[in-house]
């Protein structure tokens, strides 16, 4: 499903005029209210009562979206690519987080921090479908060469979804996923909701 261009323009204009007082040199974030997004939510068919978080983000930091699950089971992640240079993918893994940490879970076997404010929420014993195999080298080079390969150990890709501007991507919030390699910067909208997937 694609959103209307005028909706995309609204989101981008809202973000462009927003001042992020915590903005770093490579990342800007905005957390719009449900009221600011009521028309957007209606178009995407998400009830405002089901929304737990809305965020628009733009970054040039390749480590901005390492492997993680957003929330425990019972929620849906909705992504909307807004601005980027091709090609960019959202990578979904066969593994799911089945624990109860309200902040979701990071998958990072090395326990390395990728950036200064990196808060790791590892709960690896509650992640399903971890194998004893190294990550596929061809997929690593195509999608995920920005991160240490050791942090992909035991994972298997279930889908690589190539971004299309204004095309919605949805998946269970407890599914492990990550961003891919990309050029320059990328901007996207993320909505977390209790809407059934």
C-alpha atoms as a PDB file:
ATOM      1  CA  UNK A   1       0.000   0.000   0.000  1.00  0.00           C
ATOM      2  CA  UNK A   2       1.249   3.468  -0.924  1.00  0.00           C
ATOM      3  CA  UNK A   3       0.265   6.630   0.899  1.00  0.00           C
ATOM      4  CA  UNK A   4      -0.802   9.688  -1.077  1.00  0.00           C
ATOM      5  CA  UNK A   5       1.940  12.106  -2.135  1.00  0.00           C
ATOM      6  CA  UNK A   6       0.197  14.926  -0.266  1.00  0.00           C
ATOM      7  CA  UNK A   7       0.396  12.858   2.936  1.00  0.00           C
ATOM      8  CA  UNK A   8       4.099  12.290   2.375  1.00  0.00           C
ATOM      9  CA  UNK A   9       4.556  16.025   1.753  1.00  0.00           C
ATOM     10  CA  UNK A  10       2.764  16.782   5.029  1.00  0.00           C
ATOM     11  CA  UNK A  11       5.032  14.411   6.988  1.00  0.00           C
ATOM     12  CA  UNK A  12       8.206  15.739   5.353  1.00  0.00           C
ATOM     13  CA  UNK A  13       7.193  19.377   5.899  1.00  0.00           C
ATOM     14  CA  UNK A  14       6.375  18.682   9.534  1.00  0.00           C
ATOM     15  CA  UNK A  15       9.791  17.102   9.992  1.00  0.00           C
ATOM     16  CA  UNK A  16      11.701  19.759   8.022  1.00  0.00           C
ATOM     17  CA  UNK A  17      10.331  22.571  10.193  1.00  0.00           C
ATOM     18  CA  UNK A  18      10.856  20.716  13.487  1.00  0.00           C
ATOM     19  CA  UNK A  19      13.875  21.614  15.609  1.00  0.00           C
ATOM     20  CA  UNK A  20      15.382  18.613  17.400  1.00  0.00           C
ATOM     21  CA  UNK A  21      17.217  20.001  20.423  1.00  0.00           C
ATOM     22  CA  UNK A  22      18.931  16.653  20.934  1.00  0.00           C
ATOM     23  CA  UNK A  23      19.968  16.378  17.288  1.00  0.00           C
ATOM     24  CA  UNK A  24      23.429  14.964  16.726  1.00  0.00           C
ATOM     25  CA  UNK A  25      25.598  15.684  13.730  1.00  0.00           C
ATOM     26  CA  UNK A  26      24.210  12.636  11.928  1.00  0.00           C
ATOM     27  CA  UNK A  27      20.683  12.017  13.269  1.00  0.00           C
ATOM     28  CA  UNK A  28      17.480  14.012  13.683  1.00  0.00           C
ATOM     29  CA  UNK A  29      14.351  12.580  15.334  1.00  0.00           C
ATOM     30  CA  UNK A  30      10.828  13.808  15.876  1.00  0.00           C
ATOM     31  CA  UNK A  31       8.070  12.210  17.965  1.00  0.00           C
ATOM     32  CA  UNK A  32       4.840  13.719  16.627  1.00  0.00           C
ATOM     33  CA  UNK A  33       1.639  13.446  18.616  1.00  0.00           C
ATOM     34  CA  UNK A  34      -1.290  11.294  17.597  1.00  0.00           C
ATOM     35  CA  UNK A  35      -3.250  14.528  17.065  1.00  0.00           C
ATOM     36  CA  UNK A  36      -0.686  15.779  14.535  1.00  0.00           C
ATOM     37  CA  UNK A  37      -0.943  12.436  12.744  1.00  0.00           C
ATOM     38  CA  UNK A  38      -4.676  11.708  12.862  1.00  0.00           C
ATOM     39  CA  UNK A  39      -5.139  11.985   9.073  1.00  0.00           C
ATOM     40  CA  UNK A  40      -1.995   9.940   8.410  1.00  0.00           C
ATOM     41  CA  UNK A  41      -3.165   7.199  10.791  1.00  0.00           C
ATOM     42  CA  UNK A  42      -6.587   7.141   9.156  1.00  0.00           C
ATOM     43  CA  UNK A  43      -5.045   6.729   5.712  1.00  0.00           C
ATOM     44  CA  UNK A  44      -2.822   3.884   6.916  1.00  0.00           C
ATOM     45  CA  UNK A  45      -5.806   2.359   8.746  1.00  0.00           C
ATOM     46  CA  UNK A  46      -4.334   2.447  12.256  1.00  0.00           C
ATOM     47  CA  UNK A  47      -6.640   3.418  15.091  1.00  0.00           C
ATOM     48  CA  UNK A  48      -5.225   6.304  17.128  1.00  0.00           C
ATOM     49  CA  UNK A  49      -6.083   4.386  20.335  1.00  0.00           C
ATOM     50  CA  UNK A  50      -3.763   1.565  19.234  1.00  0.00           C
ATOM     51  CA  UNK A  51      -0.687   3.778  18.703  1.00  0.00           C
ATOM     52  CA  UNK A  52       2.081   3.487  21.281  1.00  0.00           C
ATOM     53  CA  UNK A  53       4.793   5.494  19.499  1.00  0.00           C
ATOM     54  CA  UNK A  54       5.330   7.601  16.394  1.00  0.00           C
ATOM     55  CA  UNK A  55       8.785   8.645  15.238  1.00  0.00           C
ATOM     56  CA  UNK A  56      10.217  10.282  12.146  1.00  0.00           C
ATOM     57  CA  UNK A  57      13.965   9.862  11.798  1.00  0.00           C
ATOM     58  CA  UNK A  58      16.648  10.952   9.387  1.00  0.00           C
ATOM     59  CA  UNK A  59      20.200   9.726   9.718  1.00  0.00           C
ATOM     60  CA  UNK A  60      23.491   9.321   7.954  1.00  0.00           C
ATOM     61  CA  UNK A  61      24.693   6.941  10.692  1.00  0.00           C
ATOM     62  CA  UNK A  62      24.890   3.470   9.148  1.00  0.00           C
ATOM     63  CA  UNK A  63      24.586   1.937  12.636  1.00  0.00           C
ATOM     64  CA  UNK A  64      21.277   3.707  13.344  1.00  0.00           C
ATOM     65  CA  UNK A  65      19.205   0.547  12.891  1.00  0.00           C
ATOM     66  CA  UNK A  66      21.130  -2.538  14.038  1.00  0.00           C
ATOM     67  CA  UNK A  67      19.385  -5.865  14.666  1.00  0.00           C
ATOM     68  CA  UNK A  68      16.565  -5.575  17.189  1.00  0.00           C
ATOM     69  CA  UNK A  69      12.915  -6.233  17.985  1.00  0.00           C
ATOM     70  CA  UNK A  70      10.876  -3.095  18.744  1.00  0.00           C
ATOM     71  CA  UNK A  71       8.454  -4.516  21.330  1.00  0.00           C
ATOM     72  CA  UNK A  72       7.276  -7.807  22.807  1.00  0.00           C
ATOM     73  CA  UNK A  73       4.661  -9.901  20.994  1.00  0.00           C
ATOM     74  CA  UNK A  74       1.305  -8.278  20.281  1.00  0.00           C
ATOM     75  CA  UNK A  75       2.267  -5.142  18.372  1.00  0.00           C
ATOM     76  CA  UNK A  76       2.871  -4.129  14.778  1.00  0.00           C
ATOM     77  CA  UNK A  77       5.695  -2.032  13.359  1.00  0.00           C
ATOM     78  CA  UNK A  78       4.737   0.168  10.433  1.00  0.00           C
ATOM     79  CA  UNK A  79       7.564   1.743   8.444  1.00  0.00           C
ATOM     80  CA  UNK A  80       7.189   4.351   5.749  1.00  0.00           C
ATOM     81  CA  UNK A  81      10.279   5.226   3.679  1.00  0.00           C
ATOM     82  CA  UNK A  82      10.242   8.979   3.001  1.00  0.00           C
ATOM     83  CA  UNK A  83      13.600  10.088   1.529  1.00  0.00           C
ATOM     84  CA  UNK A  84      16.657   8.034   0.570  1.00  0.00           C
ATOM     85  CA  UNK A  85      19.018   7.186  -2.262  1.00  0.00           C
ATOM     86  CA  UNK A  86      18.461   3.696  -3.710  1.00  0.00           C
ATOM     87  CA  UNK A  87      18.963   1.039  -2.724  1.00  0.00           C
ATOM     88  CA  UNK A  88      17.817   0.634   0.891  1.00  0.00           C
ATOM     89  CA  UNK A  89      16.211  -2.439   2.453  1.00  0.00           C
ATOM     90  CA  UNK A  90      14.510  -3.413   5.665  1.00  0.00           C
ATOM     91  CA  UNK A  91      15.855  -6.818   6.627  1.00  0.00           C
ATOM     92  CA  UNK A  92      13.522  -9.204   8.470  1.00  0.00           C
ATOM     93  CA  UNK A  93      14.986 -12.258  10.183  1.00  0.00           C
ATOM     94  CA  UNK A  94      13.346 -15.601  10.961  1.00  0.00           C
ATOM     95  CA  UNK A  95      13.891 -14.951  14.674  1.00  0.00           C
ATOM     96  CA  UNK A  96      11.339 -13.463  17.085  1.00  0.00           C
ATOM     97  CA  UNK A  97      11.671 -11.964  20.554  1.00  0.00           C
ATOM     98  CA  UNK A  98       9.372 -13.851  22.954  1.00  0.00           C
ATOM     99  CA  UNK A  99      10.402 -12.089  26.172  1.00  0.00           C
ATOM    100  CA  UNK A 100       8.608  -9.320  28.043  1.00  0.00           C
ATOM    101  CA  UNK A 101      11.040  -6.384  28.020  1.00  0.00           C
ATOM    102  CA  UNK A 102       8.833  -3.370  27.175  1.00  0.00           C
ATOM    103  CA  UNK A 103      11.728  -1.851  25.211  1.00  0.00           C
ATOM    104  CA  UNK A 104      12.080  -4.873  22.961  1.00  0.00           C
ATOM    105  CA  UNK A 105      15.438  -6.542  22.484  1.00  0.00           C
ATOM    106  CA  UNK A 106      18.768  -5.997  20.737  1.00  0.00           C
ATOM    107  CA  UNK A 107      20.566  -8.915  19.123  1.00  0.00           C
ATOM    108  CA  UNK A 108      24.269  -8.330  19.588  1.00  0.00           C
ATOM    109  CA  UNK A 109      26.335 -11.466  20.362  1.00  0.00           C
ATOM    110  CA  UNK A 110      29.509  -9.352  20.672  1.00  0.00           C
ATOM    111  CA  UNK A 111      27.864  -6.936  23.167  1.00  0.00           C
ATOM    112  CA  UNK A 112      29.752  -4.140  21.391  1.00  0.00           C
ATOM    113  CA  UNK A 113      28.302  -0.650  21.470  1.00  0.00           C
ATOM    114  CA  UNK A 114      28.003   0.815  17.981  1.00  0.00           C
ATOM    115  CA  UNK A 115      27.671   4.449  19.052  1.00  0.00           C
ATOM    116  CA  UNK A 116      28.033   6.581  22.189  1.00  0.00           C
ATOM    117  CA  UNK A 117      24.415   6.475  23.478  1.00  0.00           C
ATOM    118  CA  UNK A 118      23.887   2.829  22.526  1.00  0.00           C
ATOM    119  CA  UNK A 119      21.783   1.177  25.262  1.00  0.00           C
ATOM    120  CA  UNK A 120      21.802  -2.574  24.804  1.00  0.00           C
ATOM    121  CA  UNK A 121      18.730  -4.540  25.887  1.00  0.00           C
ATOM    122  CA  UNK A 122      19.923  -8.059  25.249  1.00  0.00           C
ATOM    123  CA  UNK A 123      17.682 -10.942  26.188  1.00  0.00           C
ATOM    124  CA  UNK A 124      19.101 -13.543  23.825  1.00  0.00           C
ATOM    125  CA  UNK A 125      17.634 -16.529  25.686  1.00  0.00           C
ATOM    126  CA  UNK A 126      14.208 -15.223  24.626  1.00  0.00           C
ATOM    127  CA  UNK A 127      14.960 -15.085  20.886  1.00  0.00           C
ATOM    128  CA  UNK A 128      13.718 -17.935  18.698  1.00  0.00           C
ATOM    129  CA  UNK A 129      15.319 -19.654  15.704  1.00  0.00           C
ATOM    130  CA  UNK A 130      18.981 -18.939  16.439  1.00  0.00           C
ATOM    131  CA  UNK A 131      21.102 -21.510  14.583  1.00  0.00           C
ATOM    132  CA  UNK A 132      24.689 -22.631  15.083  1.00  0.00           C
ATOM    133  CA  UNK A 133      25.648 -21.322  11.637  1.00  0.00           C
ATOM    134  CA  UNK A 134      27.611 -18.340  10.406  1.00  0.00           C
ATOM    135  CA  UNK A 135      25.630 -15.725   8.529  1.00  0.00           C
ATOM    136  CA  UNK A 136      25.485 -16.120   4.747  1.00  0.00           C
ATOM    137  CA  UNK A 137      28.433 -14.249   3.184  1.00  0.00           C
ATOM    138  CA  UNK A 138      26.595 -13.174   0.017  1.00  0.00           C
ATOM    139  CA  UNK A 139      23.707 -11.673   1.995  1.00  0.00           C
ATOM    140  CA  UNK A 140      26.178 -10.053   4.385  1.00  0.00           C
ATOM    141  CA  UNK A 141      28.010  -8.284   1.560  1.00  0.00           C
ATOM    142  CA  UNK A 142      24.793  -7.205  -0.178  1.00  0.00           C
ATOM    143  CA  UNK A 143      22.815  -5.907   2.811  1.00  0.00           C
ATOM    144  CA  UNK A 144      24.656  -5.760   6.125  1.00  0.00           C
ATOM    145  CA  UNK A 145      28.396  -5.252   5.633  1.00  0.00           C
ATOM    146  CA  UNK A 146      28.273  -2.112   7.806  1.00  0.00           C
ATOM    147  CA  UNK A 147      28.062  -4.202  10.984  1.00  0.00           C
ATOM    148  CA  UNK A 148      30.462  -6.771  12.406  1.00  0.00           C
ATOM    149  CA  UNK A 149      29.620 -10.164  10.927  1.00  0.00           C
ATOM    150  CA  UNK A 150      29.928 -11.746  14.362  1.00  0.00           C
ATOM    151  CA  UNK A 151      26.736  -9.889  15.358  1.00  0.00           C
ATOM    152  CA  UNK A 152      24.804 -11.806  12.694  1.00  0.00           C
ATOM    153  CA  UNK A 153      25.870 -15.231  13.938  1.00  0.00           C
ATOM    154  CA  UNK A 154      22.967 -17.696  14.023  1.00  0.00           C
ATOM    155  CA  UNK A 155      20.535 -15.489  12.108  1.00  0.00           C
ATOM    156  CA  UNK A 156      18.726 -16.226   8.856  1.00  0.00           C
ATOM    157  CA  UNK A 157      17.001 -13.637   6.668  1.00  0.00           C
ATOM    158  CA  UNK A 158      13.310 -14.296   6.055  1.00  0.00           C
ATOM    159  CA  UNK A 159      12.767 -11.218   3.839  1.00  0.00           C
ATOM    160  CA  UNK A 160      14.695  -8.291   2.419  1.00  0.00           C
ATOM    161  CA  UNK A 161      12.187  -5.566   1.583  1.00  0.00           C
ATOM    162  CA  UNK A 162      13.508  -2.959  -0.803  1.00  0.00           C
ATOM    163  CA  UNK A 163      12.342   0.522   0.072  1.00  0.00           C
ATOM    164  CA  UNK A 164       9.981   2.362  -2.228  1.00  0.00           C
ATOM    165  CA  UNK A 165       9.152   5.954  -1.401  1.00  0.00           C
ATOM    166  CA  UNK A 166       5.734   6.205   0.295  1.00  0.00           C
ATOM    167  CA  UNK A 167       5.168   2.410   0.332  1.00  0.00           C
ATOM    168  CA  UNK A 168       4.197   1.020   3.727  1.00  0.00           C
ATOM    169  CA  UNK A 169       6.101  -1.899   5.263  1.00  0.00           C
ATOM    170  CA  UNK A 170       4.492  -3.785   8.176  1.00  0.00           C
ATOM    171  CA  UNK A 171       5.638  -6.677  10.326  1.00  0.00           C
ATOM    172  CA  UNK A 172       5.255  -7.981  13.899  1.00  0.00           C
ATOM    173  CA  UNK A 173       7.136  -5.709  16.313  1.00  0.00           C
ATOM    174  CA  UNK A 174       8.739  -8.693  18.024  1.00  0.00           C
ATOM    175  CA  UNK A 175      10.379  -9.898  14.784  1.00  0.00           C
ATOM    176  CA  UNK A 176      14.115  -9.237  14.633  1.00  0.00           C
ATOM    177  CA  UNK A 177      14.913  -6.744  11.904  1.00  0.00           C
ATOM    178  CA  UNK A 178      17.493  -4.170  10.857  1.00  0.00           C
ATOM    179  CA  UNK A 179      18.307  -1.556   8.309  1.00  0.00           C
ATOM    180  CA  UNK A 180      20.637  -2.263   5.408  1.00  0.00           C
ATOM    181  CA  UNK A 181      23.682  -0.467   4.086  1.00  0.00           C
ATOM    182  CA  UNK A 182      22.754   2.855   2.477  1.00  0.00           C
ATOM    183  CA  UNK A 183      24.239   5.936   0.809  1.00  0.00           C
ATOM    184  CA  UNK A 184      24.312   9.422   2.351  1.00  0.00           C
ATOM    185  CA  UNK A 185      21.184   9.521   4.521  1.00  0.00           C
ATOM    186  CA  UNK A 186      17.701   8.085   4.834  1.00  0.00           C
ATOM    187  CA  UNK A 187      14.439   9.332   6.329  1.00  0.00           C
ATOM    188  CA  UNK A 188      11.517   7.222   7.465  1.00  0.00           C
ATOM    189  CA  UNK A 189       8.431   7.146   9.646  1.00  0.00           C
ATOM    190  CA  UNK A 190       7.922   4.421  12.246  1.00  0.00           C
ATOM    191  CA  UNK A 191       4.646   3.737  14.023  1.00  0.00           C
ATOM    192  CA  UNK A 192       4.327   1.136  16.772  1.00  0.00           C
ATOM    193  CA  UNK A 193       0.780  -0.001  17.440  1.00  0.00           C
ATOM    194  CA  UNK A 194      -1.182  -2.794  19.050  1.00  0.00           C
ATOM    195  CA  UNK A 195      -3.087  -3.313  15.816  1.00  0.00           C
ATOM    196  CA  UNK A 196      -3.050  -7.004  14.955  1.00  0.00           C
ATOM    197  CA  UNK A 197      -0.741  -7.949  12.154  1.00  0.00           C
END
